[in-house]
Protein backbone atom coordinates (compact mmCIF):
# COMPACT_ATOMS: atom_id res chain seq x y z
CA UNK A 1 -14.40 51.69 75.41
CA UNK A 2 -12.58 54.70 77.18
CA UNK A 3 -10.48 56.41 74.32
CA UNK A 4 -7.94 56.52 77.14
CA UNK A 5 -7.06 52.91 76.73
CA UNK A 6 -5.00 52.60 74.08
CA UNK A 7 -2.44 55.00 75.77
CA UNK A 8 -2.39 52.92 78.85
CA UNK A 9 -1.62 50.02 76.68
CA UNK A 10 1.42 51.48 75.10
CA UNK A 11 2.48 52.58 78.47
CA UNK A 12 2.04 49.54 79.89
CA UNK A 13 4.33 47.71 77.28
CA UNK A 14 6.82 50.13 77.77
CA UNK A 15 7.26 49.53 81.70
CA UNK A 16 6.75 45.59 81.06
CA UNK A 17 9.81 45.55 79.17
CA UNK A 18 12.00 48.38 80.34
CA UNK A 19 -9.95 47.50 110.02
CA UNK A 20 -7.85 44.63 110.96
CA UNK A 21 -5.23 43.46 108.88
CA UNK A 22 -6.40 39.64 107.48
CA UNK A 23 -4.15 36.38 106.57
CA UNK A 24 -2.16 36.87 103.72
CA UNK A 25 -0.34 33.97 102.23
CA UNK A 26 3.95 34.67 102.40
CA UNK A 27 6.71 33.49 100.57
CA UNK A 28 6.81 29.79 102.17
CA UNK A 29 3.32 29.20 101.63
CA UNK A 30 2.30 28.02 98.40
CA UNK A 31 -1.11 26.66 96.58
CA UNK A 32 -2.53 25.45 93.79
CA UNK A 33 -5.79 26.50 94.40
CA UNK A 34 -8.08 29.34 93.71
CA UNK A 35 -8.85 31.78 96.12
CA UNK A 36 -12.21 32.67 97.33
CA UNK A 37 -14.00 34.61 95.06
CA UNK A 38 -17.49 35.93 94.87
CA UNK A 39 -19.16 38.01 92.59
CA UNK A 40 -21.71 41.20 92.82
CA UNK A 41 -24.58 40.20 91.21
CA UNK A 42 -24.24 43.02 88.50
CA UNK A 43 -22.45 43.65 84.80
CA UNK A 44 -21.92 47.04 83.87
CA UNK A 45 -22.64 48.24 80.36
CA UNK A 46 -18.77 49.89 79.89
CA UNK A 47 -15.47 48.93 81.82
CA UNK A 48 -15.74 49.75 85.40
CA UNK A 49 -13.42 52.69 86.06
CA UNK A 50 -14.00 53.39 89.80
CA UNK A 51 -15.01 51.59 92.95
CA UNK A 52 -15.36 53.56 96.44
CA UNK A 53 -16.98 52.11 99.63
CA UNK A 54 -18.50 54.25 102.25
CA UNK A 55 -19.66 52.80 105.70
CA UNK A 56 -22.72 51.44 104.34
CA UNK A 57 -22.36 51.44 100.82
CA UNK A 58 -20.38 50.63 97.64
CA UNK A 59 -20.12 52.79 94.63
CA UNK A 60 -19.82 51.89 91.24
CA UNK A 61 -18.70 54.26 88.43
CA UNK A 62 -18.14 53.44 84.64
CA UNK A 63 -18.42 55.97 81.75
CA UNK A 64 -22.20 55.91 81.54
CA UNK A 65 -23.36 54.36 84.91
CA UNK A 66 -23.02 55.03 88.49
CA UNK A 67 -24.35 52.49 90.74
CA UNK A 68 -25.06 51.79 94.72
CA UNK A 69 -24.92 48.64 96.55
CA UNK A 70 -25.78 48.27 100.55
CA UNK A 71 -23.83 46.00 102.91
CA UNK A 72 -25.69 42.62 100.95
CA UNK A 73 -24.30 43.68 97.71
CA UNK A 74 -27.78 44.21 96.60
CA UNK A 75 -28.18 46.95 93.97
CA UNK A 76 -29.90 50.04 95.53
CA UNK A 77 -29.29 52.23 92.59
CA UNK A 78 -28.44 52.51 88.87
CA UNK A 79 -28.25 55.56 87.27
CA UNK A 80 -27.67 56.44 83.59
CA UNK A 81 -24.88 58.89 82.74
CA UNK A 82 -25.02 61.09 79.63
CA UNK A 83 -22.09 59.69 77.01
CA UNK A 84 -23.51 60.70 74.16
CA UNK A 85 -20.10 62.54 72.65
CA UNK A 86 -17.99 60.69 75.11
CA UNK A 87 -16.51 60.84 78.37
CA UNK A 88 -13.31 61.70 79.14
CA UNK A 89 -10.17 60.49 81.73
CA UNK A 90 -11.25 58.34 84.95
CA UNK A 91 -13.75 59.94 87.42
CA UNK A 92 -13.28 60.87 90.87
CA UNK A 93 -15.42 59.71 93.72
CA UNK A 94 -15.62 60.90 97.52
CA UNK A 95 -18.73 60.12 99.77
CA UNK A 96 -21.40 62.35 98.85
CA UNK A 97 -19.96 63.72 95.36
CA UNK A 98 -18.61 62.30 92.15
CA UNK A 99 -17.00 64.03 89.34
CA UNK A 100 -16.43 63.50 85.67
CA UNK A 101 -15.90 64.64 82.44
CA UNK A 102 -17.74 64.47 79.44
CA UNK A 103 -17.59 65.89 75.82
CA UNK A 104 -20.52 68.03 74.24
CA UNK A 105 -21.33 68.31 70.11
CA UNK A 106 -18.63 70.87 69.89
CA UNK A 107 -16.24 68.56 71.44
CA UNK A 108 -15.77 70.62 74.15
CA UNK A 109 -14.89 69.78 77.66
CA UNK A 110 -17.57 69.79 80.51
CA UNK A 111 -16.69 69.12 84.17
CA UNK A 112 -19.47 67.46 85.86
CA UNK A 113 -20.08 67.66 89.64
CA UNK A 114 -22.95 64.87 90.82
CA UNK A 115 -24.35 64.29 93.86
CA UNK A 116 -23.84 60.30 94.99
CA UNK A 117 -27.25 60.37 96.80
CA UNK A 118 -29.44 62.11 94.07
CA UNK A 119 -29.51 62.04 90.86
CA UNK A 120 -31.36 65.42 89.78
CA UNK A 121 -29.01 68.12 90.98
CA UNK A 122 -25.81 68.13 88.41
CA UNK A 123 -23.43 71.39 88.59
CA UNK A 124 -21.56 71.86 85.45
CA UNK A 125 -18.46 74.08 84.01
CA UNK A 126 -17.48 74.05 80.80
CA UNK A 127 -13.58 74.14 80.60
CA UNK A 128 -13.53 76.92 77.93
CA UNK A 129 -14.84 79.00 80.62
CA UNK A 130 -12.43 78.45 83.09
CA UNK A 131 -9.51 80.20 80.86
CA UNK A 132 -8.30 83.57 82.11
CA UNK A 133 -7.64 86.70 80.26
CA UNK A 134 -3.88 85.49 79.57
CA UNK A 135 -4.80 82.17 78.31
CA UNK A 136 -5.88 81.44 74.75
CA UNK A 137 -6.75 77.72 75.18
CA UNK A 138 -7.15 75.78 78.65
CA UNK A 139 -8.20 71.83 78.59
CA UNK A 140 -8.96 69.49 81.46
CA UNK A 141 -5.66 67.21 81.82
CA UNK A 142 -7.54 63.84 81.76
CA UNK A 143 -4.47 61.30 80.82
CA UNK A 144 -3.56 61.14 84.40
CA UNK A 145 -4.87 58.36 86.87
CA UNK A 146 -7.86 60.64 87.82
CA UNK A 147 -9.43 63.83 86.92
CA UNK A 148 -8.78 65.09 89.92
CA UNK A 149 -8.55 64.81 93.65
CA UNK A 150 -11.01 65.26 96.62
CA UNK A 151 -10.14 66.05 100.04
CA UNK A 152 -11.13 64.09 103.02
CA UNK A 153 -14.63 65.12 103.70
CA UNK A 154 -15.23 65.99 99.95
CA UNK A 155 -15.47 69.67 100.42
CA UNK A 156 -13.05 70.46 98.12
CA UNK A 157 -11.87 69.30 94.86
CA UNK A 158 -8.30 70.16 92.63
CA UNK A 159 -8.57 69.92 89.21
CA UNK A 160 -5.73 69.96 86.77
CA UNK A 161 -5.63 71.86 83.35
CA UNK A 162 -3.27 72.68 80.81
CA UNK A 163 -3.16 76.55 79.62
CA UNK A 164 -1.74 77.90 76.36
CA UNK A 165 -0.15 79.61 75.34
CA UNK A 166 2.23 79.60 78.54
CA UNK A 167 2.22 75.74 78.28
CA UNK A 168 1.88 75.30 81.87
CA UNK A 169 -0.23 73.63 84.11
CA UNK A 170 -3.25 75.11 86.17
CA UNK A 171 -4.76 73.47 89.21
CA UNK A 172 -8.31 74.73 89.91
CA UNK A 173 -9.43 74.13 93.48
CA UNK A 174 -13.58 74.16 93.94
CA UNK A 175 -15.18 74.42 97.11
CA UNK A 176 -18.41 71.93 97.52
CA UNK A 177 -21.22 73.16 99.58
CA UNK A 178 -24.37 70.56 99.97
CA UNK A 179 -27.28 70.81 102.02
CA UNK A 180 -27.45 69.05 105.41
CA UNK A 181 -28.97 65.88 104.18
CA UNK A 182 -26.19 65.72 100.94
CA UNK A 183 -29.39 65.76 98.61
CA UNK A 184 -28.84 69.18 96.93
CA UNK A 185 -25.88 71.38 96.11
CA UNK A 186 -26.29 74.56 98.03
CA UNK A 187 -22.90 76.23 95.66
CA UNK A 188 -19.92 74.93 94.01
CA UNK A 189 -17.55 77.63 93.52
CA UNK A 190 -13.74 78.05 92.19
CA UNK A 191 -12.06 79.39 95.10
CA UNK A 192 -8.14 79.16 93.83
CA UNK A 193 -6.61 78.88 90.64
CA UNK A 194 -2.70 77.86 91.09
CA UNK A 195 -0.70 78.27 88.58
CA UNK A 196 2.08 75.63 88.48
CA UNK A 197 4.67 77.52 85.86
CA UNK A 198 7.51 74.75 86.88
CA UNK A 199 5.28 71.89 85.39
CA UNK A 200 5.22 71.99 81.90
CA UNK A 201 2.24 71.11 79.50
CA UNK A 202 3.88 68.31 78.06
CA UNK A 203 1.82 65.66 76.57
CA UNK A 204 0.86 63.42 79.70
CA UNK A 205 3.15 64.94 81.97
CA UNK A 206 0.86 64.49 85.12
CA UNK A 207 1.00 61.18 86.43
CA UNK A 208 -1.45 61.25 89.72
CA UNK A 209 -2.77 63.92 92.28
CA UNK A 210 -4.22 62.78 95.54
CA UNK A 211 -5.13 64.10 99.02
CA UNK A 212 -3.24 62.73 101.86
CA UNK A 213 -3.39 63.63 105.58
CA UNK A 214 -4.21 67.12 104.93
CA UNK A 215 -2.64 68.13 101.79
CA UNK A 216 -2.73 67.63 97.98
CA UNK A 217 0.27 66.12 96.24
CA UNK A 218 0.79 66.04 92.44
CA UNK A 219 3.30 63.79 90.79
CA UNK A 220 4.98 63.89 86.86
CA UNK A 221 7.71 63.49 84.93
CA UNK A 222 8.91 66.68 85.90
CA UNK A 223 9.01 66.32 89.76
CA UNK A 224 6.36 66.10 92.76
CA UNK A 225 4.69 69.05 94.59
CA UNK A 226 2.79 69.59 97.72
CA UNK A 227 -0.20 71.98 97.47
CA UNK A 228 -1.88 73.07 100.60
CA UNK A 229 -5.62 73.86 100.83
CA UNK A 230 -4.36 77.60 101.05
CA UNK A 231 -2.83 77.16 97.89
CA UNK A 232 0.72 77.19 98.83
CA UNK A 233 3.25 75.02 96.51
CA UNK A 234 6.29 73.53 97.48
CA UNK A 235 8.34 71.48 95.26
CA UNK A 236 9.40 68.24 96.62
CA UNK A 237 11.14 66.49 93.87
CA UNK A 238 12.67 67.72 90.32
CA UNK A 239 12.66 64.30 89.10
CA UNK A 240 9.93 62.13 87.69
CA UNK A 241 7.80 60.49 90.53
CA UNK A 242 5.10 58.14 89.94
CA UNK A 243 2.39 58.38 93.05
CA UNK A 244 2.15 59.06 96.63
CA UNK A 245 0.20 57.32 99.12
CA UNK A 246 -0.43 57.12 103.21
CA UNK A 247 0.84 54.01 105.15
CA UNK A 248 1.28 52.98 108.52
CA UNK A 249 0.95 56.93 109.32
CA UNK A 250 3.72 57.90 107.08
CA UNK A 251 3.65 59.52 103.67
CA UNK A 252 5.33 58.02 100.92
CA UNK A 253 6.26 58.66 97.31
CA UNK A 254 7.08 56.41 94.28
CA UNK A 255 9.46 57.47 91.49
CA UNK A 256 10.37 55.86 88.02
CA UNK A 257 13.14 53.68 89.02
CA UNK A 258 13.23 51.14 92.41
CA UNK A 259 15.41 53.41 94.15
CA UNK A 260 13.38 56.51 94.00
CA UNK A 261 11.01 55.18 96.83
CA UNK A 262 10.93 57.96 99.72
CA UNK A 263 9.38 58.71 102.90
CA UNK A 264 8.46 61.48 104.84
CA UNK A 265 8.10 62.03 108.62
CA UNK A 266 6.95 65.65 108.70
CA UNK A 267 3.90 65.63 106.72
CA UNK A 268 5.42 66.01 103.48
CA UNK A 269 7.74 68.65 104.06
CA UNK A 270 10.99 66.59 104.15
CA UNK A 271 11.82 63.44 102.64
CA UNK A 272 14.68 60.56 102.82
CA UNK A 273 14.95 57.63 100.62
CA UNK A 274 13.67 54.43 101.60
CA UNK A 275 15.98 51.19 101.96
CA UNK A 276 15.80 48.61 100.59
CA UNK A 277 14.68 49.16 96.95
CA UNK A 278 10.95 49.08 95.84
CA UNK A 279 9.39 48.08 92.75
CA UNK A 280 6.26 50.19 94.27
CA UNK A 281 5.02 52.31 91.17
CA UNK A 282 1.02 53.48 90.85
CA UNK A 283 -0.16 52.50 94.75
CA UNK A 284 -3.72 51.92 96.32
CA UNK A 285 -3.75 51.36 100.11
CA UNK A 286 -6.95 49.22 100.56
CA UNK A 287 -8.31 47.63 103.68
CA UNK A 288 -4.36 48.34 105.24
CA UNK A 289 -3.02 46.25 102.30
CA UNK A 290 -0.65 47.77 99.55
CA UNK A 291 -1.68 47.17 96.02
CA UNK A 292 0.54 48.09 93.28
CA UNK A 293 0.36 48.40 89.51
CA UNK A 294 2.88 49.49 86.75
CA UNK A 295 0.03 51.24 84.95
CA UNK A 296 -3.91 51.51 85.67
CA UNK A 297 -5.29 48.65 84.09
CA UNK A 298 -2.57 46.37 84.79
CA UNK A 299 -3.66 43.58 87.14
CA UNK A 300 -2.80 44.72 90.98
CA UNK A 301 -0.28 42.96 92.65
CA UNK A 302 0.05 42.75 96.41
CA UNK A 303 3.23 44.64 97.95
CA UNK A 304 4.48 43.13 101.24
CA UNK A 305 4.62 45.75 104.07
CA UNK A 306 8.35 46.00 104.38
CA UNK A 307 8.03 46.86 100.71
CA UNK A 308 10.49 44.07 99.79
CA UNK A 309 8.25 42.39 97.04
CA UNK A 310 5.27 42.53 94.82
CA UNK A 311 3.47 39.47 94.78
CA UNK A 312 1.23 38.14 92.41
CA UNK A 313 -2.51 38.03 93.08
CA UNK A 314 -4.49 34.82 92.40
CA UNK A 315 -7.60 36.11 90.80
CA UNK A 316 -10.60 34.19 89.54
CA UNK A 317 -10.07 31.45 87.09
CA UNK A 318 -12.53 32.64 84.64
CA UNK A 319 -10.85 36.06 84.12
CA UNK A 320 -9.07 35.83 80.91
CA UNK A 321 -5.73 37.85 81.02
CA UNK A 322 -6.32 41.55 79.74
CA UNK A 323 -3.88 44.24 81.07
CA UNK A 324 -6.49 47.05 80.50
CA UNK A 325 -9.54 45.71 82.84
CA UNK A 326 -8.40 46.07 86.16
CA UNK A 327 -9.20 49.69 87.38
CA UNK A 328 -11.29 49.86 91.04
CA UNK A 329 -10.59 48.40 94.41
CA UNK A 330 -12.13 49.21 97.88
CA UNK A 331 -12.42 47.38 100.93
CA UNK A 332 -16.08 46.98 102.42
CA UNK A 333 -17.58 45.13 105.07
CA UNK A 334 -14.76 43.02 105.50
CA UNK A 335 -14.31 42.08 102.08
CA UNK A 336 -11.49 43.35 99.21
CA UNK A 337 -13.44 44.47 95.98
CA UNK A 338 -11.90 44.70 92.56
CA UNK A 339 -13.27 45.76 89.30
CA UNK A 340 -12.49 43.46 86.39
CA UNK A 341 -13.59 44.81 83.37
CA UNK A 342 -17.63 45.31 83.65
CA UNK A 343 -17.54 42.87 86.74
CA UNK A 344 -17.20 43.01 90.39
CA UNK A 345 -15.52 40.65 92.94
CA UNK A 346 -14.65 40.03 96.14
CA UNK A 347 -13.01 37.97 98.41
CA UNK A 348 -12.27 38.23 102.45
CA UNK A 349 -8.77 36.81 102.22
CA UNK A 350 -6.16 38.16 99.30
CA UNK A 351 -4.33 35.12 98.23
CA UNK A 352 -0.99 35.47 96.31
CA UNK A 353 1.30 33.18 93.99
């Protein structure tokens, strides 16, 4: 299992103690029956870390497998991925490319760019080779929610790293060019290095990195920043921020406390606090619904559209309670898909307790 999981469990314990919108059960409706869950006829070898839906395919990614399913949930590709010396962090998916990180026999980090439709071509970068003249040591940040973020069309990828002796974060912007059929890479090049001297390389400082409505947003214990595709950086908060998301044509950012939720009406340039308070933390917008977790692995909850309450989802009764197995979610062909441990479950309606 991914070596990140013990850290997630510790963080989870800390927090526990301290398209058309479908029908949703509201507060005035109660049910003692199970939701109508079905399963995809597949079980991965290791924990599923990521789901991604295109218009006609569902992608499933674990440490050592990449799989594609058609609109009938039939397996059309099962690809083995090398994890001989371990895989690190949560990989990132786009429509045509995915990025993962492995170690080699000398425990060096290797960042891999894979094609979704062709298992042959792989473009790899040794993390050591990313270091600049002033860097004694550089390592990819793999303790954040994901290893990085693609832009909307998957032609840009932003990779977070920690550099020493400056003890700061540096972000590498890759440009990805593929042939017309997306069956081969024309090139994968670093086009910008963005040094963020305001963000210290403290352990697990970075929380998440997303691309939303034209720009990258990063959240961390020391604040939040907006990074344009041209590399222009603006700090948008100096306090602990957890995640950012785009919902109902507005940008939102979540923080450490219930009073930190903020909204931007000018695409991330200025921000205002949202009332009332909200328990949103790490957020996935799936099929027009807001799904929230304290940390990755904890069961998703369904947040009301007005951010007033996170409701417990009725998951399949056969799934044992485990705070480390809820990773992926996607909306595909009118259904909500969840990866729970090594299996994929889906339902047309999300029912809540």
